[in-house]
Amino acid sequence: MSTFEDLAYDDAGARLTGLLARPEGVPKGAVLVFPTIMNPTGSVRDKALSLAGDGYLTLVADFYGKTPKDFDEARLFASEIRQAHELYRQRLRASLRALARLDETKDLPFFVIGFCMGGQAALELAREGAPVEAAVSFHGLLDTQMPAQPGSVGARILVCHGDADPMVPREQVLKFWQEMDRAEANWHFHSYSGVKHGFTNPAPSENPATGYDASADRQSWSAMHALFDEVMAG
């Protein structure tokens, strides 16, 4: 069973600590995992360990360098790093570099995934043409201040979305589709009817906008693996 080890890195003086999970044997790929606005939660850790168990060298990124005590504090921390969009992307790049610096990642295909705010983060790296083979968003935010430009998206994109997610209404979905088409991206969009925000997290929540959905969780995770397998098969 894989366990985590701390991986220290920094971004413009901010001290960050990622969670690295190594597979048994030689990894078949490297996956950067962006967590939710709460930074790594139990659900995100479980997903990362699952990836390591399936043969991927996996790093859970650190958004803030600190742990929010509640959602209000998490929103404050998030606003600090997202107030200037280029600085936000700089923070995301720092996490990708931390994974790429590891000797074990040489010649491996790179993937990036994320949950909620982390799903948005994964898409932000794809929008600017980061060197990843695929980017996968689970119940992620789809808006951006820096839309993808024609030819800028090299990664294959998979968005797994709950159609009853009030944080990502259909107007935002349509705008995202149009953005991806203008950018000539290779994208898939899976929408699950009646499913809310946060559908991969089985932990109880008092937020009426969120809700676990076991079927959407299984289907989206399977879709991610199918995409990874297809990419690696060439």
Protein backbone atom coordinates (compact mmCIF):
# COMPACT_ATOMS: atom_id res chain seq x y z
CA MET A 1 0.00 0.00 0.00
CA SER A 2 1.40 3.39 -1.00
CA THR A 3 1.94 6.10 1.59
CA PHE A 4 2.81 9.78 1.29
CA GLU A 5 6.08 11.55 1.75
CA ASP A 6 6.44 15.32 1.93
CA LEU A 7 7.92 17.10 -1.06
CA ALA A 8 9.05 20.66 -0.29
CA TYR A 9 9.04 23.28 -3.04
CA ASP A 10 8.46 27.00 -3.33
CA ASP A 11 6.88 29.70 -5.42
CA ALA A 12 8.24 33.24 -5.20
CA GLY A 13 9.17 32.80 -1.55
CA ALA A 14 6.06 30.86 -0.53
CA ARG A 15 7.07 27.58 1.12
CA LEU A 16 4.88 24.76 -0.13
CA THR A 17 4.67 21.08 0.75
CA GLY A 18 3.27 18.57 -1.71
CA LEU A 19 2.30 15.00 -0.90
CA LEU A 20 4.16 12.45 -3.01
CA ALA A 21 2.97 8.87 -3.47
CA ARG A 22 5.24 6.39 -5.22
CA PRO A 23 4.00 3.23 -6.93
CA GLU A 24 5.56 -0.16 -6.42
CA GLY A 25 8.06 -0.75 -9.19
CA VAL A 26 8.71 1.52 -12.16
CA PRO A 27 6.02 4.18 -12.65
CA LYS A 28 4.15 4.23 -15.94
CA GLY A 29 3.28 7.91 -15.71
CA ALA A 30 3.41 10.99 -13.51
CA VAL A 31 0.21 12.65 -12.24
CA LEU A 32 -0.08 16.08 -10.64
CA VAL A 33 -3.21 16.30 -8.49
CA PHE A 34 -4.68 19.69 -7.62
CA PRO A 35 -6.87 19.52 -4.50
CA THR A 36 -10.03 21.41 -3.60
CA ILE A 37 -10.17 24.92 -2.18
CA MET A 38 -9.64 23.28 1.24
CA ASN A 39 -6.20 22.03 0.08
CA PRO A 40 -5.65 18.25 0.42
CA THR A 41 -8.69 16.58 1.95
CA GLY A 42 -9.18 12.93 2.83
CA SER A 43 -11.00 12.29 -0.42
CA VAL A 44 -8.24 13.82 -2.54
CA ARG A 45 -5.59 11.88 -0.64
CA ASP A 46 -7.49 8.66 -1.28
CA LYS A 47 -7.66 9.41 -5.00
CA ALA A 48 -3.92 10.10 -5.12
CA LEU A 49 -3.11 6.86 -3.32
CA SER A 50 -5.36 5.01 -5.73
CA LEU A 51 -3.36 6.43 -8.64
CA ALA A 52 -0.11 5.34 -7.01
CA GLY A 53 -1.60 1.88 -6.55
CA ASP A 54 -2.33 1.83 -10.27
CA GLY A 55 1.30 2.54 -11.13
CA TYR A 56 1.52 6.34 -11.28
CA LEU A 57 4.00 8.57 -9.50
CA THR A 58 1.57 11.03 -7.95
CA LEU A 59 2.00 14.47 -6.37
CA VAL A 60 -0.80 16.27 -4.55
CA ALA A 61 -0.07 19.98 -4.94
CA ASP A 62 -0.14 22.53 -2.12
CA PHE A 63 -2.08 25.67 -3.02
CA TYR A 64 -1.28 27.81 0.02
CA GLY A 65 1.56 26.49 2.17
CA LYS A 66 -0.92 26.40 5.06
CA THR A 67 -4.08 24.56 6.03
CA PRO A 68 -7.37 26.47 6.23
CA LYS A 69 -9.34 25.84 9.40
CA ASP A 70 -12.71 26.23 7.66
CA PHE A 71 -14.28 27.12 4.33
CA ASP A 72 -14.29 30.86 4.99
CA GLU A 73 -10.55 30.84 5.61
CA ALA A 74 -10.04 28.68 2.53
CA ARG A 75 -11.89 31.27 0.43
CA LEU A 76 -9.60 33.96 1.84
CA PHE A 77 -6.48 31.93 1.04
CA ALA A 78 -7.77 31.21 -2.46
CA SER A 79 -8.50 34.87 -3.13
CA GLU A 80 -4.92 35.72 -2.16
CA ILE A 81 -3.44 33.50 -4.86
CA ARG A 82 -6.12 34.16 -7.48
CA GLN A 83 -6.30 37.95 -7.25
CA ALA A 84 -3.76 38.25 -10.08
CA HIS A 85 -4.33 35.56 -12.66
CA GLU A 86 -0.76 35.35 -13.89
CA LEU A 87 0.43 34.86 -10.30
CA TYR A 88 -2.18 32.12 -9.90
CA ARG A 89 -0.82 30.30 -12.92
CA GLN A 90 2.70 30.82 -11.60
CA ARG A 91 1.69 28.93 -8.44
CA LEU A 92 0.31 26.10 -10.57
CA ARG A 93 3.47 25.91 -12.65
CA ALA A 94 5.56 25.67 -9.48
CA SER A 95 3.72 22.47 -8.55
CA LEU A 96 4.28 20.96 -11.99
CA ARG A 97 7.98 21.83 -11.83
CA ALA A 98 8.27 20.17 -8.42
CA LEU A 99 7.04 16.91 -9.92
CA ALA A 100 9.12 17.26 -13.09
CA ARG A 101 12.34 17.75 -11.08
CA LEU A 102 12.15 14.22 -9.68
CA ASP A 103 14.56 11.80 -11.34
CA GLU A 104 11.84 9.16 -11.62
CA THR A 105 9.79 11.33 -13.97
CA LYS A 106 12.36 11.31 -16.77
CA ASP A 107 10.72 10.13 -19.99
CA LEU A 108 7.35 9.59 -18.28
CA PRO A 109 4.09 10.95 -19.69
CA PHE A 110 2.69 13.72 -17.50
CA PHE A 111 -0.96 14.15 -16.56
CA VAL A 112 -2.76 16.71 -14.41
CA ILE A 113 -6.09 16.29 -12.64
CA GLY A 114 -8.01 18.34 -10.11
CA PHE A 115 -11.13 18.58 -8.00
CA CYS A 116 -13.36 21.68 -7.64
CA MET A 117 -10.90 24.61 -7.57
CA GLY A 118 -8.29 22.02 -8.48
CA GLY A 119 -10.24 21.11 -11.61
CA GLN A 120 -10.05 24.73 -12.65
CA ALA A 121 -6.30 24.66 -11.91
CA ALA A 122 -5.79 21.61 -14.15
CA LEU A 123 -7.62 23.38 -16.97
CA GLU A 124 -5.59 26.56 -16.45
CA LEU A 125 -2.36 24.66 -17.08
CA ALA A 126 -3.88 23.07 -20.19
CA ARG A 127 -5.06 26.46 -21.47
CA GLU A 128 -1.54 27.85 -21.48
CA GLY A 129 -0.01 24.79 -23.13
CA ALA A 130 1.75 23.19 -20.16
CA PRO A 131 3.73 20.04 -21.11
CA VAL A 132 1.12 17.49 -20.02
CA GLU A 133 -0.52 14.79 -22.11
CA ALA A 134 -3.97 15.16 -20.57
CA ALA A 135 -5.84 17.37 -18.11
CA VAL A 136 -8.87 16.09 -16.21
CA SER A 137 -11.32 18.20 -14.20
CA PHE A 138 -13.70 16.66 -11.67
CA HIS A 139 -16.57 19.02 -10.74
CA GLY A 140 -14.19 21.86 -11.53
CA LEU A 141 -14.87 25.52 -12.18
CA LEU A 142 -14.79 26.26 -15.91
CA ASP A 143 -14.38 30.03 -15.98
CA THR A 144 -11.07 31.77 -16.58
CA GLN A 145 -9.61 35.25 -16.93
CA MET A 146 -7.17 34.04 -19.60
CA PRO A 147 -9.03 31.96 -22.21
CA ALA A 148 -7.16 29.46 -24.33
CA GLN A 149 -5.93 30.75 -27.67
CA PRO A 150 -6.02 28.90 -31.02
CA GLY A 151 -3.37 26.21 -30.96
CA SER A 152 -2.38 26.80 -27.33
CA VAL A 153 -3.89 23.60 -25.87
CA GLY A 154 -1.67 20.60 -26.48
CA ALA A 155 -3.15 18.36 -23.81
CA ARG A 156 -6.22 16.23 -24.28
CA ILE A 157 -8.97 17.49 -21.99
CA LEU A 158 -11.62 15.61 -20.06
CA VAL A 159 -14.19 17.48 -17.98
CA CYS A 160 -16.43 15.47 -15.64
CA HIS A 161 -19.29 17.69 -14.56
CA GLY A 162 -22.44 17.41 -12.46
CA ASP A 163 -25.29 18.92 -14.43
CA ALA A 164 -27.00 20.07 -11.20
CA ASP A 165 -23.89 21.91 -10.00
CA PRO A 166 -25.06 25.45 -9.10
CA MET A 167 -21.46 26.67 -9.05
CA VAL A 168 -21.06 25.86 -12.76
CA PRO A 169 -24.33 26.70 -14.52
CA ARG A 170 -25.05 25.72 -18.10
CA GLU A 171 -24.15 29.19 -19.34
CA GLN A 172 -20.61 28.63 -18.06
CA VAL A 173 -20.57 25.17 -19.62
CA LEU A 174 -21.55 26.53 -23.02
CA LYS A 175 -18.96 29.29 -22.78
CA PHE A 176 -16.31 26.66 -22.01
CA TRP A 177 -17.32 24.56 -25.01
CA GLN A 178 -17.05 27.60 -27.24
CA GLU A 179 -13.66 28.47 -25.79
CA MET A 180 -12.34 24.96 -26.43
CA ASP A 181 -13.66 24.98 -29.99
CA ARG A 182 -12.02 28.33 -30.72
CA ALA A 183 -8.76 26.97 -29.30
CA GLU A 184 -9.09 23.87 -31.51
CA ALA A 185 -8.59 21.71 -28.42
CA ASN A 186 -9.13 17.96 -28.22
CA TRP A 187 -11.78 17.83 -25.51
CA HIS A 188 -14.37 15.51 -23.99
CA PHE A 189 -17.14 16.67 -21.68
CA HIS A 190 -19.07 14.21 -19.49
CA SER A 191 -22.16 15.60 -17.79
CA TYR A 192 -24.06 13.61 -15.16
CA SER A 193 -27.75 14.47 -14.80
CA GLY A 194 -29.00 15.46 -11.36
CA VAL A 195 -25.48 15.41 -9.92
CA LYS A 196 -24.22 18.26 -7.74
CA HIS A 197 -20.85 19.83 -7.06
CA GLY A 198 -18.26 17.72 -5.24
CA PHE A 199 -19.66 14.41 -6.44
CA THR A 200 -16.40 12.50 -5.85
CA ASN A 201 -16.25 13.30 -2.13
CA PRO A 202 -18.17 10.81 0.07
CA ALA A 203 -17.66 12.88 3.24
CA PRO A 204 -20.90 14.37 4.62
CA SER A 205 -21.46 18.03 3.78
CA GLU A 206 -23.88 20.66 5.04
CA ASN A 207 -23.49 22.65 1.82
CA PRO A 208 -26.65 22.14 -0.29
CA ALA A 209 -24.64 22.79 -3.47
CA THR A 210 -22.57 19.63 -2.95
CA GLY A 211 -23.38 15.97 -2.82
CA TYR A 212 -21.65 12.65 -3.33
CA ASP A 213 -22.81 10.51 -6.22
CA ALA A 214 -21.32 7.02 -6.30
CA SER A 215 -22.20 6.38 -9.94
CA ALA A 216 -20.72 9.65 -11.20
CA ASP A 217 -17.66 9.06 -9.03
CA ARG A 218 -17.07 5.60 -10.54
CA GLN A 219 -17.83 6.64 -14.11
CA SER A 220 -15.64 9.74 -14.04
CA TRP A 221 -12.69 7.88 -12.50
CA SER A 222 -13.05 5.13 -15.10
CA ALA A 223 -13.16 7.73 -17.87
CA MET A 224 -9.93 9.28 -16.58
CA HIS A 225 -8.17 5.91 -16.60
CA ALA A 226 -9.45 5.16 -20.10
CA LEU A 227 -8.06 8.46 -21.34
CA PHE A 228 -4.69 7.87 -19.69
CA ASP A 229 -4.51 4.36 -21.16
CA GLU A 230 -5.35 5.67 -24.62
CA VAL A 231 -2.71 8.39 -24.44
CA MET A 232 -0.02 5.96 -23.30
CA ALA A 233 -0.96 3.44 -25.98
CA GLY A 234 -0.14 6.11 -28.55
